């Protein structure tokens, strides 16, 4: 006979508010980090996040988790301003001077040097952002299950 799945220990009534607050704090921290990465993504590429990351971040923080946020599964981006401008220049004028702010210092490079670096940074930030959004969604579902299990009703929630 296979062993039964471990069930989490029953929380005492005094522990429920502590765990509830821990969930809220974790969700707020994730939302804040998503906002920071979204801003960084915009700085790197000039792209604006069109998926629901902004709603994901703003929704819970502005409504203190009173409303449910359901991000779109497809994360899409608007056309790039910076990379869109540099891409044609990589082929036509790869030696053209290009300026980039690195750690608060404006440095001169060539288009062929800067474009691949921006693409790599953009891809990395996008990947981390997508992972954080998925983590947020799963944590939000856990929080909802916790609330239902302990019959916690949030004001303003249907």
C-alpha atoms as a PDB file:
ATOM      1  CA  UNK A   1       0.000   0.000   0.000  1.00  0.00           C
ATOM      2  CA  UNK A   2       1.527   3.386  -0.997  1.00  0.00           C
ATOM      3  CA  UNK A   3       2.150   5.914   1.759  1.00  0.00           C
ATOM      4  CA  UNK A   4      -0.480   8.617   2.095  1.00  0.00           C
ATOM      5  CA  UNK A   5       0.407  12.112   0.973  1.00  0.00           C
ATOM      6  CA  UNK A   6       1.581  14.264   3.843  1.00  0.00           C
ATOM      7  CA  UNK A   7      -1.155  16.653   4.885  1.00  0.00           C
ATOM      8  CA  UNK A   8      -0.133  20.007   6.270  1.00  0.00           C
ATOM      9  CA  UNK A   9      -0.628  20.345  10.011  1.00  0.00           C
ATOM     10  CA  UNK A  10      -3.856  22.030  11.077  1.00  0.00           C
ATOM     11  CA  UNK A  11      -3.241  25.667  11.955  1.00  0.00           C
ATOM     12  CA  UNK A  12      -4.320  27.020  15.280  1.00  0.00           C
ATOM     13  CA  UNK A  13      -6.693  30.006  15.215  1.00  0.00           C
ATOM     14  CA  UNK A  14      -3.777  32.202  16.364  1.00  0.00           C
ATOM     15  CA  UNK A  15      -1.611  31.090  13.411  1.00  0.00           C
ATOM     16  CA  UNK A  16      -4.186  31.820  10.686  1.00  0.00           C
ATOM     17  CA  UNK A  17      -3.708  35.646  10.714  1.00  0.00           C
ATOM     18  CA  UNK A  18       0.077  35.189  10.680  1.00  0.00           C
ATOM     19  CA  UNK A  19      -0.043  32.916   7.638  1.00  0.00           C
ATOM     20  CA  UNK A  20      -2.600  35.198   5.988  1.00  0.00           C
ATOM     21  CA  UNK A  21      -0.297  38.200   6.425  1.00  0.00           C
ATOM     22  CA  UNK A  22       2.672  36.167   5.171  1.00  0.00           C
ATOM     23  CA  UNK A  23       0.782  35.394   1.945  1.00  0.00           C
ATOM     24  CA  UNK A  24      -0.140  39.050   1.487  1.00  0.00           C
ATOM     25  CA  UNK A  25       3.457  40.145   2.052  1.00  0.00           C
ATOM     26  CA  UNK A  26       4.805  37.555  -0.392  1.00  0.00           C
ATOM     27  CA  UNK A  27       2.320  38.656  -3.048  1.00  0.00           C
ATOM     28  CA  UNK A  28       3.164  42.327  -2.511  1.00  0.00           C
ATOM     29  CA  UNK A  29       6.900  41.586  -2.743  1.00  0.00           C
ATOM     30  CA  UNK A  30       6.427  39.605  -5.953  1.00  0.00           C
ATOM     31  CA  UNK A  31       4.275  42.383  -7.416  1.00  0.00           C
ATOM     32  CA  UNK A  32       6.916  44.970  -6.520  1.00  0.00           C
ATOM     33  CA  UNK A  33       9.686  42.917  -8.135  1.00  0.00           C
ATOM     34  CA  UNK A  34       7.545  42.438 -11.267  1.00  0.00           C
ATOM     35  CA  UNK A  35       7.108  46.215 -11.443  1.00  0.00           C
ATOM     36  CA  UNK A  36      10.855  46.787 -11.092  1.00  0.00           C
ATOM     37  CA  UNK A  37      11.686  44.280 -13.819  1.00  0.00           C
ATOM     38  CA  UNK A  38       8.985  45.690 -16.072  1.00  0.00           C
ATOM     39  CA  UNK A  39      10.566  49.114 -15.688  1.00  0.00           C
ATOM     40  CA  UNK A  40      14.013  47.696 -16.386  1.00  0.00           C
ATOM     41  CA  UNK A  41      12.690  45.884 -19.451  1.00  0.00           C
ATOM     42  CA  UNK A  42      11.272  49.141 -20.724  1.00  0.00           C
ATOM     43  CA  UNK A  43      14.604  50.899 -20.140  1.00  0.00           C
ATOM     44  CA  UNK A  44      16.544  48.197 -21.985  1.00  0.00           C
ATOM     45  CA  UNK A  45      14.405  47.983 -25.045  1.00  0.00           C
ATOM     46  CA  UNK A  46      11.899  50.798 -25.039  1.00  0.00           C
ATOM     47  CA  UNK A  47       9.170  48.146 -25.053  1.00  0.00           C
ATOM     48  CA  UNK A  48       6.016  48.410 -23.054  1.00  0.00           C
ATOM     49  CA  UNK A  49       4.601  45.339 -21.396  1.00  0.00           C
ATOM     50  CA  UNK A  50       1.231  44.571 -22.946  1.00  0.00           C
ATOM     51  CA  UNK A  51       0.553  41.383 -21.024  1.00  0.00           C
ATOM     52  CA  UNK A  52      -1.206  41.829 -17.737  1.00  0.00           C
ATOM     53  CA  UNK A  53       1.913  42.407 -15.690  1.00  0.00           C
ATOM     54  CA  UNK A  54       0.917  46.011 -15.058  1.00  0.00           C
ATOM     55  CA  UNK A  55      -2.582  44.926 -14.018  1.00  0.00           C
ATOM     56  CA  UNK A  56      -1.009  42.152 -11.989  1.00  0.00           C
ATOM     57  CA  UNK A  57       1.150  44.627 -10.108  1.00  0.00           C
ATOM     58  CA  UNK A  58      -1.253  47.544  -9.840  1.00  0.00           C
ATOM     59  CA  UNK A  59      -4.393  45.531  -9.169  1.00  0.00           C
ATOM     60  CA  UNK A  60      -3.386  43.847  -5.911  1.00  0.00           C
ATOM     61  CA  UNK A  61      -1.407  46.788  -4.571  1.00  0.00           C
ATOM     62  CA  UNK A  62      -4.061  49.392  -5.302  1.00  0.00           C
ATOM     63  CA  UNK A  63      -6.963  47.305  -4.061  1.00  0.00           C
ATOM     64  CA  UNK A  64      -5.090  45.682  -1.178  1.00  0.00           C
ATOM     65  CA  UNK A  65      -5.888  42.288  -2.663  1.00  0.00           C
ATOM     66  CA  UNK A  66      -9.614  42.986  -2.643  1.00  0.00           C
ATOM     67  CA  UNK A  67      -9.999  42.102  -6.311  1.00  0.00           C
ATOM     68  CA  UNK A  68      -8.964  39.044  -8.266  1.00  0.00           C
ATOM     69  CA  UNK A  69      -6.302  39.476 -10.945  1.00  0.00           C
ATOM     70  CA  UNK A  70      -6.155  36.997 -13.792  1.00  0.00           C
ATOM     71  CA  UNK A  71      -3.219  37.780 -16.097  1.00  0.00           C
ATOM     72  CA  UNK A  72      -3.396  36.899 -19.770  1.00  0.00           C
ATOM     73  CA  UNK A  73      -1.559  33.652 -20.511  1.00  0.00           C
ATOM     74  CA  UNK A  74       0.014  35.167 -23.625  1.00  0.00           C
ATOM     75  CA  UNK A  75       2.655  37.720 -22.770  1.00  0.00           C
ATOM     76  CA  UNK A  76       3.138  40.120 -25.656  1.00  0.00           C
ATOM     77  CA  UNK A  77       5.193  43.228 -26.175  1.00  0.00           C
ATOM     78  CA  UNK A  78       4.758  46.403 -28.185  1.00  0.00           C
ATOM     79  CA  UNK A  79       7.261  47.233 -30.909  1.00  0.00           C
ATOM     80  CA  UNK A  80      10.672  48.153 -29.583  1.00  0.00           C
ATOM     81  CA  UNK A  81      11.855  51.699 -29.835  1.00  0.00           C
ATOM     82  CA  UNK A  82      15.543  51.167 -29.061  1.00  0.00           C
ATOM     83  CA  UNK A  83      16.126  47.709 -30.525  1.00  0.00           C
ATOM     84  CA  UNK A  84      13.840  48.512 -33.439  1.00  0.00           C
ATOM     85  CA  UNK A  85      16.015  51.506 -34.228  1.00  0.00           C
ATOM     86  CA  UNK A  86      19.313  49.646 -33.825  1.00  0.00           C
ATOM     87  CA  UNK A  87      18.384  46.464 -35.751  1.00  0.00           C
ATOM     88  CA  UNK A  88      18.506  48.048 -39.243  1.00  0.00           C
ATOM     89  CA  UNK A  89      21.711  49.874 -38.356  1.00  0.00           C
ATOM     90  CA  UNK A  90      23.455  46.597 -37.474  1.00  0.00           C
ATOM     91  CA  UNK A  91      23.199  45.665 -41.160  1.00  0.00           C
ATOM     92  CA  UNK A  92      23.615  49.081 -42.784  1.00  0.00           C
ATOM     93  CA  UNK A  93      25.958  50.979 -40.430  1.00  0.00           C
ATOM     94  CA  UNK A  94      27.482  48.557 -37.878  1.00  0.00           C
ATOM     95  CA  UNK A  95      30.361  50.941 -37.039  1.00  0.00           C
ATOM     96  CA  UNK A  96      28.095  53.881 -36.283  1.00  0.00           C
ATOM     97  CA  UNK A  97      28.656  55.445 -32.866  1.00  0.00           C
ATOM     98  CA  UNK A  98      26.165  54.421 -30.245  1.00  0.00           C
ATOM     99  CA  UNK A  99      25.926  55.678 -26.670  1.00  0.00           C
ATOM    100  CA  UNK A 100      24.859  53.582 -23.760  1.00  0.00           C
ATOM    101  CA  UNK A 101      24.414  54.389 -20.085  1.00  0.00           C
ATOM    102  CA  UNK A 102      26.217  51.751 -18.030  1.00  0.00           C
ATOM    103  CA  UNK A 103      26.162  52.130 -14.264  1.00  0.00           C
ATOM    104  CA  UNK A 104      25.505  55.856 -14.532  1.00  0.00           C
ATOM    105  CA  UNK A 105      28.350  56.411 -17.024  1.00  0.00           C
ATOM    106  CA  UNK A 106      27.651  57.291 -20.655  1.00  0.00           C
ATOM    107  CA  UNK A 107      29.945  55.200 -22.846  1.00  0.00           C
ATOM    108  CA  UNK A 108      30.475  55.259 -26.592  1.00  0.00           C
ATOM    109  CA  UNK A 109      30.292  51.943 -28.428  1.00  0.00           C
ATOM    110  CA  UNK A 110      29.376  50.836 -31.909  1.00  0.00           C
ATOM    111  CA  UNK A 111      25.922  49.681 -32.955  1.00  0.00           C
ATOM    112  CA  UNK A 112      27.241  46.169 -33.637  1.00  0.00           C
ATOM    113  CA  UNK A 113      28.538  45.967 -30.029  1.00  0.00           C
ATOM    114  CA  UNK A 114      25.473  47.370 -28.292  1.00  0.00           C
ATOM    115  CA  UNK A 115      22.607  45.635 -30.134  1.00  0.00           C
ATOM    116  CA  UNK A 116      23.508  42.023 -29.169  1.00  0.00           C
ATOM    117  CA  UNK A 117      24.055  43.041 -25.548  1.00  0.00           C
ATOM    118  CA  UNK A 118      20.665  44.766 -25.395  1.00  0.00           C
ATOM    119  CA  UNK A 119      18.982  41.734 -26.988  1.00  0.00           C
ATOM    120  CA  UNK A 120      20.602  39.391 -24.459  1.00  0.00           C
ATOM    121  CA  UNK A 121      19.692  41.604 -21.507  1.00  0.00           C
ATOM    122  CA  UNK A 122      16.158  41.991 -22.806  1.00  0.00           C
ATOM    123  CA  UNK A 123      15.705  38.224 -23.246  1.00  0.00           C
ATOM    124  CA  UNK A 124      17.013  37.535 -19.738  1.00  0.00           C
ATOM    125  CA  UNK A 125      14.791  40.134 -18.097  1.00  0.00           C
ATOM    126  CA  UNK A 126      11.769  38.940 -20.095  1.00  0.00           C
ATOM    127  CA  UNK A 127      12.387  35.340 -18.994  1.00  0.00           C
ATOM    128  CA  UNK A 128      12.687  36.303 -15.327  1.00  0.00           C
ATOM    129  CA  UNK A 129       9.602  38.509 -15.589  1.00  0.00           C
ATOM    130  CA  UNK A 130       7.541  35.689 -17.111  1.00  0.00           C
ATOM    131  CA  UNK A 131       8.716  33.344 -14.339  1.00  0.00           C
ATOM    132  CA  UNK A 132       7.775  35.866 -11.656  1.00  0.00           C
ATOM    133  CA  UNK A 133       4.315  36.347 -13.181  1.00  0.00           C
ATOM    134  CA  UNK A 134       3.770  32.564 -13.122  1.00  0.00           C
ATOM    135  CA  UNK A 135       5.021  32.419  -9.529  1.00  0.00           C
ATOM    136  CA  UNK A 136       2.682  35.263  -8.584  1.00  0.00           C
ATOM    137  CA  UNK A 137      -0.291  33.497 -10.171  1.00  0.00           C
ATOM    138  CA  UNK A 138       0.433  30.223  -8.368  1.00  0.00           C
ATOM    139  CA  UNK A 139       0.976  32.014  -5.035  1.00  0.00           C
ATOM    140  CA  UNK A 140      -2.270  33.913  -5.574  1.00  0.00           C
ATOM    141  CA  UNK A 141      -4.092  30.610  -6.144  1.00  0.00           C
ATOM    142  CA  UNK A 142      -2.537  29.188  -2.960  1.00  0.00           C
ATOM    143  CA  UNK A 143      -3.661  32.297  -1.093  1.00  0.00           C
ATOM    144  CA  UNK A 144      -7.193  31.919  -2.446  1.00  0.00           C
ATOM    145  CA  UNK A 145      -7.272  28.254  -1.389  1.00  0.00           C
ATOM    146  CA  UNK A 146      -6.006  29.224   2.059  1.00  0.00           C
ATOM    147  CA  UNK A 147      -8.750  31.854   2.351  1.00  0.00           C
ATOM    148  CA  UNK A 148     -11.449  29.388   1.300  1.00  0.00           C
ATOM    149  CA  UNK A 149     -10.110  26.675   3.625  1.00  0.00           C
ATOM    150  CA  UNK A 150     -10.162  29.028   6.610  1.00  0.00           C
ATOM    151  CA  UNK A 151     -13.341  30.827   5.522  1.00  0.00           C
ATOM    152  CA  UNK A 152     -11.665  34.230   5.290  1.00  0.00           C
ATOM    153  CA  UNK A 153     -13.810  36.811   3.501  1.00  0.00           C
ATOM    154  CA  UNK A 154     -12.161  39.918   2.120  1.00  0.00           C
ATOM    155  CA  UNK A 155     -14.269  43.109   2.050  1.00  0.00           C
ATOM    156  CA  UNK A 156     -15.346  43.972  -1.491  1.00  0.00           C
ATOM    157  CA  UNK A 157     -14.914  40.429  -2.791  1.00  0.00           C
ATOM    158  CA  UNK A 158     -17.855  38.557  -4.184  1.00  0.00           C
END
